[in-house]
PDB file of N, CA and C in Angstrom:
ATOM      1  N   MET A   1       0.832  -1.187   0.000  1.00  0.00           N
ATOM      2  CA  MET A   1       0.000   0.000   0.000  1.00  0.00           C
ATOM      3  C   MET A   1       0.871   1.243   0.000  1.00  0.00           C
ATOM      4  N   ALA A   2       0.330   2.272  -0.591  1.00  0.00           N
ATOM      5  CA  ALA A   2       1.051   3.542  -0.677  1.00  0.00           C
ATOM      6  C   ALA A   2       0.862   4.354   0.600  1.00  0.00           C
ATOM      7  N   ASN A   3       1.772   5.269   0.830  1.00  0.00           N
ATOM      8  CA  ASN A   3       1.684   6.202   1.954  1.00  0.00           C
ATOM      9  C   ASN A   3       1.577   7.616   1.417  1.00  0.00           C
ATOM     10  N   ILE A   4       0.815   8.438   2.126  1.00  0.00           N
ATOM     11  CA  ILE A   4       0.659   9.846   1.767  1.00  0.00           C
ATOM     12  C   ILE A   4       0.881  10.665   3.033  1.00  0.00           C
ATOM     13  N   THR A   5       1.574  11.768   2.897  1.00  0.00           N
ATOM     14  CA  THR A   5       1.741  12.701   4.002  1.00  0.00           C
ATOM     15  C   THR A   5       0.920  13.944   3.685  1.00  0.00           C
ATOM     16  N   LEU A   6       0.062  14.322   4.605  1.00  0.00           N
ATOM     17  CA  LEU A   6      -0.744  15.533   4.427  1.00  0.00           C
ATOM     18  C   LEU A   6      -0.109  16.666   5.211  1.00  0.00           C
ATOM     19  N   LYS A   7      -0.010  17.819   4.576  1.00  0.00           N
ATOM     20  CA  LYS A   7       0.574  18.990   5.231  1.00  0.00           C
ATOM     21  C   LYS A   7      -0.400  20.152   5.134  1.00  0.00           C
ATOM     22  N   ASN A   8      -0.268  21.053   6.054  1.00  0.00           N
ATOM     23  CA  ASN A   8      -1.028  22.315   6.048  1.00  0.00           C
ATOM     24  C   ASN A   8      -2.541  22.098   6.075  1.00  0.00           C
ATOM     25  N   ILE A   9      -2.995  21.151   6.882  1.00  0.00           N
ATOM     26  CA  ILE A   9      -4.434  20.932   7.040  1.00  0.00           C
ATOM     27  C   ILE A   9      -4.969  22.073   7.894  1.00  0.00           C
ATOM     28  N   PRO A  10      -5.981  22.790   7.415  1.00  0.00           N
ATOM     29  CA  PRO A  10      -6.550  23.879   8.227  1.00  0.00           C
ATOM     30  C   PRO A  10      -7.062  23.350   9.574  1.00  0.00           C
ATOM     31  N   ASP A  11      -6.902  24.167  10.608  1.00  0.00           N
ATOM     32  CA  ASP A  11      -7.297  23.752  11.957  1.00  0.00           C
ATOM     33  C   ASP A  11      -8.762  23.309  12.022  1.00  0.00           C
ATOM     34  N   LYS A  12      -9.632  24.061  11.360  1.00  0.00           N
ATOM     35  CA  LYS A  12     -11.056  23.727  11.395  1.00  0.00           C
ATOM     36  C   LYS A  12     -11.304  22.370  10.711  1.00  0.00           C
ATOM     37  N   THR A  13     -10.650  22.132   9.599  1.00  0.00           N
ATOM     38  CA  THR A  13     -10.794  20.862   8.883  1.00  0.00           C
ATOM     39  C   THR A  13     -10.307  19.714   9.752  1.00  0.00           C
ATOM     40  N   TYR A  14      -9.165  19.908  10.406  1.00  0.00           N
ATOM     41  CA  TYR A  14      -8.622  18.865  11.272  1.00  0.00           C
ATOM     42  C   TYR A  14      -9.566  18.574  12.442  1.00  0.00           C
ATOM     43  N   ALA A  15     -10.114  19.628  13.032  1.00  0.00           N
ATOM     44  CA  ALA A  15     -11.039  19.447  14.158  1.00  0.00           C
ATOM     45  C   ALA A  15     -12.278  18.669  13.724  1.00  0.00           C
ATOM     46  N   LEU A  16     -12.822  19.008  12.547  1.00  0.00           N
ATOM     47  CA  LEU A  16     -13.992  18.284  12.037  1.00  0.00           C
ATOM     48  C   LEU A  16     -13.656  16.823  11.751  1.00  0.00           C
ATOM     49  N   LEU A  17     -12.495  16.606  11.193  1.00  0.00           N
ATOM     50  CA  LEU A  17     -12.048  15.244  10.885  1.00  0.00           C
ATOM     51  C   LEU A  17     -11.855  14.435  12.169  1.00  0.00           C
ATOM     52  N   LYS A  18     -11.247  15.056  13.158  1.00  0.00           N
ATOM     53  CA  LYS A  18     -11.009  14.396  14.441  1.00  0.00           C
ATOM     54  C   LYS A  18     -12.338  14.033  15.117  1.00  0.00           C
ATOM     55  N   ASP A  19     -13.294  14.954  15.076  1.00  0.00           N
ATOM     56  CA  ASP A  19     -14.613  14.709  15.664  1.00  0.00           C
ATOM     57  C   ASP A  19     -15.331  13.573  14.932  1.00  0.00           C
ATOM     58  N   ARG A  20     -15.270  13.603  13.623  1.00  0.00           N
ATOM     59  CA  ARG A  20     -15.915  12.554  12.816  1.00  0.00           C
ATOM     60  C   ARG A  20     -15.285  11.189  13.083  1.00  0.00           C
ATOM     61  N   ALA A  21     -13.968  11.142  13.199  1.00  0.00           N
ATOM     62  CA  ALA A  21     -13.283   9.887  13.502  1.00  0.00           C
ATOM     63  C   ALA A  21     -13.720   9.350  14.859  1.00  0.00           C
ATOM     64  N   LYS A  22     -13.846  10.241  15.824  1.00  0.00           N
ATOM     65  CA  LYS A  22     -14.279   9.826  17.165  1.00  0.00           C
ATOM     66  C   LYS A  22     -15.701   9.264  17.127  1.00  0.00           C
ATOM     67  N   ARG A  23     -16.600   9.961  16.417  1.00  0.00           N
ATOM     68  CA  ARG A  23     -17.994   9.491  16.309  1.00  0.00           C
ATOM     69  C   ARG A  23     -18.074   8.125  15.649  1.00  0.00           C
ATOM     70  N   ASN A  24     -17.212   7.889  14.670  1.00  0.00           N
ATOM     71  CA  ASN A  24     -17.221   6.625  13.936  1.00  0.00           C
ATOM     72  C   ASN A  24     -16.295   5.578  14.547  1.00  0.00           C
ATOM     73  N   GLN A  25     -15.705   5.924  15.690  1.00  0.00           N
ATOM     74  CA  GLN A  25     -14.797   5.026  16.409  1.00  0.00           C
ATOM     75  C   GLN A  25     -13.669   4.520  15.498  1.00  0.00           C
ATOM     76  N   ARG A  26     -13.038   5.475  14.818  1.00  0.00           N
ATOM     77  CA  ARG A  26     -11.919   5.173  13.929  1.00  0.00           C
ATOM     78  C   ARG A  26     -10.745   6.072  14.286  1.00  0.00           C
ATOM     79  N   SER A  27      -9.577   5.678  13.818  1.00  0.00           N
ATOM     80  CA  SER A  27      -8.419   6.570  13.912  1.00  0.00           C
ATOM     81  C   SER A  27      -8.598   7.674  12.871  1.00  0.00           C
ATOM     82  N   ILE A  28      -7.853   8.731  13.029  1.00  0.00           N
ATOM     83  CA  ILE A  28      -7.924   9.810  12.041  1.00  0.00           C
ATOM     84  C   ILE A  28      -7.470   9.283  10.677  1.00  0.00           C
ATOM     85  N   ASN A  29      -6.441   8.457  10.663  1.00  0.00           N
ATOM     86  CA  ASN A  29      -5.971   7.880   9.405  1.00  0.00           C
ATOM     87  C   ASN A  29      -7.083   7.072   8.720  1.00  0.00           C
ATOM     88  N   SER A  30      -7.759   6.219   9.483  1.00  0.00           N
ATOM     89  CA  SER A  30      -8.849   5.412   8.907  1.00  0.00           C
ATOM     90  C   SER A  30      -9.994   6.290   8.422  1.00  0.00           C
ATOM     91  N   GLU A  31     -10.248   7.365   9.151  1.00  0.00           N
ATOM     92  CA  GLU A  31     -11.334   8.274   8.748  1.00  0.00           C
ATOM     93  C   GLU A  31     -10.979   8.975   7.441  1.00  0.00           C
ATOM     94  N   ILE A  32      -9.725   9.359   7.276  1.00  0.00           N
ATOM     95  CA  ILE A  32      -9.291   9.987   6.028  1.00  0.00           C
ATOM     96  C   ILE A  32      -9.445   9.008   4.872  1.00  0.00           C
ATOM     97  N   ILE A  33      -9.047   7.762   5.081  1.00  0.00           N
ATOM     98  CA  ILE A  33      -9.189   6.745   4.022  1.00  0.00           C
ATOM     99  C   ILE A  33     -10.649   6.567   3.655  1.00  0.00           C
ATOM    100  N   MET A  34     -11.542   6.486   4.652  1.00  0.00           N
ATOM    101  CA  MET A  34     -12.975   6.336   4.361  1.00  0.00           C
ATOM    102  C   MET A  34     -13.518   7.565   3.633  1.00  0.00           C
ATOM    103  N   ALA A  35     -13.079   8.747   4.034  1.00  0.00           N
ATOM    104  CA  ALA A  35     -13.542   9.973   3.373  1.00  0.00           C
ATOM    105  C   ALA A  35     -13.130   9.980   1.906  1.00  0.00           C
ATOM    106  N   ILE A  36     -11.897   9.553   1.640  1.00  0.00           N
ATOM    107  CA  ILE A  36     -11.433   9.498   0.250  1.00  0.00           C
ATOM    108  C   ILE A  36     -12.233   8.465  -0.531  1.00  0.00           C
ATOM    109  N   LYS A  37     -12.417   7.279   0.046  1.00  0.00           N
ATOM    110  CA  LYS A  37     -13.196   6.233  -0.635  1.00  0.00           C
ATOM    111  C   LYS A  37     -14.616   6.704  -0.922  1.00  0.00           C
ATOM    112  N   ASN A  38     -15.250   7.327   0.086  1.00  0.00           N
ATOM    113  CA  ASN A  38     -16.622   7.815  -0.111  1.00  0.00           C
ATOM    114  C   ASN A  38     -16.677   8.906  -1.168  1.00  0.00           C
ATOM    115  N   HIS A  39     -15.700   9.787  -1.138  1.00  0.00           N
ATOM    116  CA  HIS A  39     -15.680  10.880  -2.116  1.00  0.00           C
ATOM    117  C   HIS A  39     -15.498  10.351  -3.530  1.00  0.00           C
ATOM    118  N   LEU A  40     -14.692   9.318  -3.660  1.00  0.00           N
ATOM    119  CA  LEU A  40     -14.445   8.730  -4.972  1.00  0.00           C
ATOM    120  C   LEU A  40     -15.460   7.638  -5.312  1.00  0.00           C
ATOM    121  N   HIS A  41     -16.421   7.444  -4.425  1.00  0.00           N
ATOM    122  CA  HIS A  41     -17.481   6.446  -4.624  1.00  0.00           C
ATOM    123  C   HIS A  41     -16.910   5.042  -4.809  1.00  0.00           C
ATOM    124  N   LEU A  42     -15.845   4.756  -4.079  1.00  0.00           N
ATOM    125  CA  LEU A  42     -15.222   3.439  -4.175  1.00  0.00           C
ATOM    126  C   LEU A  42     -15.908   2.419  -3.278  1.00  0.00           C
ATOM    127  N   GLU A  43     -16.537   2.897  -2.231  1.00  0.00           N
ATOM    128  CA  GLU A  43     -17.131   1.972  -1.285  1.00  0.00           C
ATOM    129  C   GLU A  43     -18.489   2.506  -0.854  1.00  0.00           C
ATOM    130  N   LYS A  44     -19.543   1.919  -1.372  1.00  0.00           N
ATOM    131  CA  LYS A  44     -20.888   2.316  -0.984  1.00  0.00           C
ATOM    132  C   LYS A  44     -21.394   1.351   0.068  1.00  0.00           C
ATOM    133  N   PRO A  45     -22.088   1.864   1.075  1.00  0.00           N
ATOM    134  CA  PRO A  45     -22.626   0.953   2.090  1.00  0.00           C
ATOM    135  C   PRO A  45     -23.748   0.106   1.497  1.00  0.00           C
ATOM    136  N   SER A  46     -23.834  -1.110   1.977  1.00  0.00           N
ATOM    137  CA  SER A  46     -24.904  -2.002   1.528  1.00  0.00           C
ATOM    138  C   SER A  46     -26.207  -1.576   2.200  1.00  0.00           C
ATOM    139  N   PRO A  47     -27.345  -1.998   1.651  1.00  0.00           N
ATOM    140  CA  PRO A  47     -28.623  -1.685   2.305  1.00  0.00           C
ATOM    141  C   PRO A  47     -28.654  -2.172   3.760  1.00  0.00           C
ATOM    142  N   ASP A  48     -28.060  -3.323   4.030  1.00  0.00           N
ATOM    143  CA  ASP A  48     -28.032  -3.835   5.408  1.00  0.00           C
ATOM    144  C   ASP A  48     -27.221  -2.923   6.322  1.00  0.00           C
ATOM    145  N   GLU A  49     -26.114  -2.370   5.805  1.00  0.00           N
ATOM    146  CA  GLU A  49     -25.307  -1.451   6.600  1.00  0.00           C
ATOM    147  C   GLU A  49     -26.070  -0.156   6.883  1.00  0.00           C
ATOM    148  N   ILE A  50     -26.796   0.323   5.891  1.00  0.00           N
ATOM    149  CA  ILE A  50     -27.599   1.544   6.071  1.00  0.00           C
ATOM    150  C   ILE A  50     -28.679   1.307   7.118  1.00  0.00           C
ATOM    151  N   LEU A  51     -29.365   0.168   7.025  1.00  0.00           N
ATOM    152  CA  LEU A  51     -30.400  -0.158   8.012  1.00  0.00           C
ATOM    153  C   LEU A  51     -29.816  -0.305   9.405  1.00  0.00           C
ATOM    154  N   ALA A  52     -28.654  -0.929   9.519  1.00  0.00           N
ATOM    155  CA  ALA A  52     -28.015  -1.101  10.824  1.00  0.00           C
ATOM    156  C   ALA A  52     -27.679   0.252  11.442  1.00  0.00           C
ATOM    157  N   LYS A  53     -27.151   1.167  10.617  1.00  0.00           N
ATOM    158  CA  LYS A  53     -26.837   2.511  11.127  1.00  0.00           C
ATOM    159  C   LYS A  53     -28.103   3.254  11.540  1.00  0.00           C
ATOM    160  N   ALA A  54     -29.175   3.100  10.757  1.00  0.00           N
ATOM    161  CA  ALA A  54     -30.440   3.757  11.089  1.00  0.00           C
ATOM    162  C   ALA A  54     -30.990   3.215  12.407  1.00  0.00           C
ATOM    163  N   ARG A  55     -30.930   1.896  12.578  1.00  0.00           N
ATOM    164  CA  ARG A  55     -31.418   1.291  13.827  1.00  0.00           C
ATOM    165  C   ARG A  55     -30.583   1.746  15.025  1.00  0.00           C
ATOM    166  N   GLU A  56     -29.270   1.822  14.829  1.00  0.00           N
ATOM    167  CA  GLU A  56     -28.390   2.283  15.903  1.00  0.00           C
ATOM    168  C   GLU A  56     -28.723   3.727  16.280  1.00  0.00           C
ATOM    169  N   PHE A  57     -28.930   4.566  15.273  1.00  0.00           N
ATOM    170  CA  PHE A  57     -29.279   5.964  15.515  1.00  0.00           C
ATOM    171  C   PHE A  57     -30.602   6.073  16.263  1.00  0.00           C
ATOM    172  N   ARG A  58     -31.602   5.321  15.806  1.00  0.00           N
ATOM    173  CA  ARG A  58     -32.919   5.357  16.455  1.00  0.00           C
ATOM    174  C   ARG A  58     -32.851   4.892  17.907  1.00  0.00           C
ATOM    175  N   SER A  59     -31.977   3.917  18.174  1.00  0.00           N
ATOM    176  CA  SER A  59     -31.876   3.407  19.543  1.00  0.00           C
ATOM    177  C   SER A  59     -31.323   4.457  20.496  1.00  0.00           C
ATOM    178  N   LYS A  60     -30.599   5.435  19.957  1.00  0.00           N
ATOM    179  CA  LYS A  60     -30.020   6.491  20.785  1.00  0.00           C
ATOM    180  C   LYS A  60     -31.000   7.633  21.034  1.00  0.00           C
ATOM    181  N   ILE A  61     -32.066   7.673  20.262  1.00  0.00           N
ATOM    182  CA  ILE A  61     -33.048   8.749  20.387  1.00  0.00           C
ATOM    183  C   ILE A  61     -34.165   8.282  21.308  1.00  0.00           C
ATOM    184  N   LYS A  62     -34.449   9.096  22.299  1.00  0.00           N
ATOM    185  CA  LYS A  62     -35.519   8.750  23.234  1.00  0.00           C
ATOM    186  C   LYS A  62     -36.758   9.536  22.843  1.00  0.00           C
ATOM    187  N   VAL A  63     -37.613   8.896  22.063  1.00  0.00           N
ATOM    188  CA  VAL A  63     -38.816   9.544  21.562  1.00  0.00           C
ATOM    189  C   VAL A  63     -40.002   8.655  21.885  1.00  0.00           C
ATOM    190  N   ASN A  64     -41.094   9.278  22.276  1.00  0.00           N
ATOM    191  CA  ASN A  64     -42.320   8.522  22.532  1.00  0.00           C
ATOM    192  C   ASN A  64     -42.988   8.241  21.191  1.00  0.00           C
ATOM    193  N   LEU A  65     -42.882   7.008  20.720  1.00  0.00           N
ATOM    194  CA  LEU A  65     -43.462   6.646  19.430  1.00  0.00           C
ATOM    195  C   LEU A  65     -44.846   6.017  19.561  1.00  0.00           C
ATOM    196  N   SER A  66     -45.377   6.012  20.768  1.00  0.00           N
ATOM    197  CA  SER A  66     -46.696   5.408  20.962  1.00  0.00           C
ATOM    198  C   SER A  66     -47.744   6.511  21.165  1.00  0.00           C
ATOM    199  N   LEU A  67     -48.000   7.231  20.096  1.00  0.00           N
ATOM    200  CA  LEU A  67     -48.999   8.296  20.142  1.00  0.00           C
ATOM    201  C   LEU A  67     -50.365   7.730  19.780  1.00  0.00           C
ATOM    202  N   ASN A  68     -51.384   8.234  20.458  1.00  0.00           N
ATOM    203  CA  ASN A  68     -52.733   7.808  20.101  1.00  0.00           C
ATOM    204  C   ASN A  68     -53.259   8.719  18.993  1.00  0.00           C
ATOM    205  N   PRO A  69     -54.345   8.339  18.331  1.00  0.00           N
ATOM    206  CA  PRO A  69     -54.866   9.136  17.209  1.00  0.00           C
ATOM    207  C   PRO A  69     -55.156  10.596  17.568  1.00  0.00           C
ATOM    208  N   GLU A  70     -55.620  10.840  18.773  1.00  0.00           N
ATOM    209  CA  GLU A  70     -55.919  12.214  19.185  1.00  0.00           C
ATOM    210  C   GLU A  70     -54.635  13.044  19.270  1.00  0.00           C
ATOM    211  N   GLU A  71     -53.562  12.453  19.800  1.00  0.00           N
ATOM    212  CA  GLU A  71     -52.285  13.159  19.888  1.00  0.00           C
ATOM    213  C   GLU A  71     -51.718  13.443  18.497  1.00  0.00           C
ATOM    214  N   ILE A  72     -51.880  12.507  17.587  1.00  0.00           N
ATOM    215  CA  ILE A  72     -51.419  12.710  16.212  1.00  0.00           C
ATOM    216  C   ILE A  72     -52.186  13.846  15.565  1.00  0.00           C
ATOM    217  N   LYS A  73     -53.506  13.841  15.731  1.00  0.00           N
ATOM    218  CA  LYS A  73     -54.356  14.905  15.178  1.00  0.00           C
ATOM    219  C   LYS A  73     -53.948  16.268  15.737  1.00  0.00           C
ATOM    220  N   ASN A  74     -53.713  16.328  17.059  1.00  0.00           N
ATOM    221  CA  ASN A  74     -53.307  17.588  17.671  1.00  0.00           C
ATOM    222  C   ASN A  74     -51.942  18.051  17.152  1.00  0.00           C
ATOM    223  N   ALA A  75     -51.016  17.127  16.942  1.00  0.00           N
ATOM    224  CA  ALA A  75     -49.700  17.490  16.427  1.00  0.00           C
ATOM    225  C   ALA A  75     -49.811  18.032  15.006  1.00  0.00           C
ATOM    226  N   ILE A  76     -50.649  17.405  14.187  1.00  0.00           N
ATOM    227  CA  ILE A  76     -50.840  17.862  12.797  1.00  0.00           C
ATOM    228  C   ILE A  76     -51.437  19.255  12.768  1.00  0.00           C
ATOM    229  N   ASN A  77     -52.387  19.498  13.662  1.00  0.00           N
ATOM    230  CA  ASN A  77     -53.105  20.770  13.637  1.00  0.00           C
ATOM    231  C   ASN A  77     -52.441  21.858  14.466  1.00  0.00           C
ATOM    232  N   GLU A  78     -51.411  21.528  15.186  1.00  0.00           N
ATOM    233  CA  GLU A  78     -50.744  22.510  16.038  1.00  0.00           C
ATOM    234  C   GLU A  78     -50.209  23.658  15.211  1.00  0.00           C
ATOM    235  N   GLY A  79     -50.553  24.854  15.607  1.00  0.00           N
ATOM    236  CA  GLY A  79     -50.087  26.043  14.915  1.00  0.00           C
ATOM    237  C   GLY A  79     -50.880  26.412  13.680  1.00  0.00           C
ATOM    238  N   ARG A  80     -51.872  25.626  13.344  1.00  0.00           N
ATOM    239  CA  ARG A  80     -52.711  25.955  12.190  1.00  0.00           C
ATOM    240  C   ARG A  80     -53.880  26.811  12.645  1.00  0.00           C
ATOM    241  N   PRO A  81     -54.309  27.736  11.796  1.00  0.00           N
ATOM    242  CA  PRO A  81     -55.462  28.595  12.164  1.00  0.00           C
ATOM    243  C   PRO A  81     -56.760  27.814  12.170  1.00  0.00           C
TER     244      PRO A  81
END
């Protein structure tokens, strides 16, 4: 495999990259490789991977999904004249 050295990365770009790597539980190097692959469309996630990420995201959100019809109606009409 080839090696690349990156120089003069703007501080804001590095901070965003570092944050993204942390969220994805990757090293900064691995995150850069994934960003390049995604940008070049070399590696697309499978439908199963997309669903797994969606399920993981939903599990982190604490939302009351058991609304009754009256609550749904009120939410739809909220703020309407």
